[in-house]
Amino acid sequence: MSGLLLLPLAPVRGTLWVADHLLREAERQSGDPRAVQARLAELNRALEEGAIDEAAFEEEEERLLARLDSPVRYTGGRPVGGAL
């Protein structure tokens, strides 16, 4: 009986499930040094091609380098490394 009552909420629950998994994947990738290095390479290409100016390049580069220097990396929602 409760299944019938909750049926109208199924699309909302499905959307929340997808959003949660997308957020987890984004967090996983943002802590991955290879993803950060790939983004730095894209950023350099954009600067060389004139797609972005020097100020935008420096701002994004600083943000990305700070992520690489972070003592804690997140994988699967659990911190890895850093102080215990």
Protein backbone atom coordinates (compact mmCIF):
# COMPACT_ATOMS: atom_id res chain seq x y z
CA MET A 1 0.00 0.00 0.00
CA SER A 2 2.81 2.45 0.84
CA GLY A 3 4.26 1.80 -2.62
CA LEU A 4 1.13 3.26 -4.19
CA LEU A 5 1.28 6.30 -1.95
CA LEU A 6 4.92 6.96 -2.82
CA LEU A 7 4.48 6.36 -6.55
CA PRO A 8 3.92 10.06 -7.40
CA LEU A 9 7.30 10.83 -5.80
CA ALA A 10 9.22 8.34 -7.96
CA PRO A 11 10.34 10.91 -10.58
CA VAL A 12 11.61 13.25 -7.84
CA ARG A 13 13.46 10.46 -6.05
CA GLY A 14 14.99 9.34 -9.36
CA THR A 15 16.13 12.87 -10.14
CA LEU A 16 17.68 13.21 -6.68
CA TRP A 17 19.46 9.88 -7.12
CA VAL A 18 20.95 11.00 -10.45
CA ALA A 19 21.96 14.38 -9.01
CA ASP A 20 23.67 12.68 -6.07
CA HIS A 21 25.66 10.39 -8.35
CA LEU A 22 26.66 13.28 -10.60
CA LEU A 23 27.86 15.23 -7.57
CA ARG A 24 29.91 12.28 -6.30
CA GLU A 25 31.53 11.81 -9.72
CA ALA A 26 32.33 15.52 -9.99
CA GLU A 27 33.93 15.46 -6.54
CA ARG A 28 35.92 12.36 -7.45
CA GLN A 29 37.19 13.91 -10.66
CA SER A 30 38.00 17.26 -9.07
CA GLY A 31 40.38 15.54 -6.65
CA ASP A 32 42.05 13.43 -9.34
CA PRO A 33 45.47 14.91 -10.22
CA ARG A 34 45.19 13.60 -13.78
CA ALA A 35 41.94 15.53 -14.29
CA VAL A 36 43.53 18.70 -12.93
CA GLN A 37 46.59 18.26 -15.16
CA ALA A 38 44.35 17.71 -18.20
CA ARG A 39 42.44 20.89 -17.36
CA LEU A 40 45.75 22.78 -17.04
CA ALA A 41 46.75 21.56 -20.50
CA GLU A 42 43.39 22.74 -21.92
CA LEU A 43 43.89 26.07 -20.20
CA ASN A 44 47.35 26.50 -21.78
CA ARG A 45 45.94 25.70 -25.22
CA ALA A 46 43.15 28.24 -24.74
CA LEU A 47 45.70 30.91 -23.81
CA GLU A 48 47.94 30.09 -26.78
CA GLU A 49 44.95 30.19 -29.16
CA GLY A 50 43.78 33.52 -27.73
CA ALA A 51 40.50 32.11 -26.45
CA ILE A 52 41.20 33.54 -22.98
CA ASP A 53 43.28 36.46 -21.76
CA GLU A 54 46.24 36.36 -19.39
CA ALA A 55 44.19 37.42 -16.35
CA ALA A 56 41.62 34.65 -16.83
CA PHE A 57 44.42 32.15 -17.40
CA GLU A 58 46.25 33.12 -14.21
CA GLU A 59 43.10 33.03 -12.10
CA GLU A 60 42.09 29.55 -13.27
CA GLU A 61 45.67 28.26 -13.16
CA GLU A 62 46.02 29.41 -9.55
CA ARG A 63 42.78 27.66 -8.61
CA LEU A 64 43.84 24.42 -10.32
CA LEU A 65 47.33 24.45 -8.82
CA ALA A 66 45.81 24.95 -5.36
CA ARG A 67 43.78 21.78 -5.92
CA LEU A 68 46.95 19.89 -6.85
CA ASP A 69 48.76 21.19 -3.76
CA SER A 70 45.92 20.24 -1.44
CA PRO A 71 47.14 17.75 1.18
CA VAL A 72 43.82 15.87 1.07
CA ARG A 73 42.46 14.11 -1.99
CA TYR A 74 38.91 12.84 -2.06
CA THR A 75 38.06 9.54 -3.68
CA GLY A 76 34.71 7.88 -3.27
CA GLY A 77 33.64 10.39 -0.65
CA ARG A 78 36.48 9.49 1.74
CA PRO A 79 39.57 11.66 2.32
CA VAL A 80 42.85 10.06 1.32
CA GLY A 81 46.19 11.37 2.58
CA GLY A 82 46.76 14.48 4.60
CA ALA A 83 46.97 14.67 8.37
CA LEU A 84 45.54 11.87 10.45
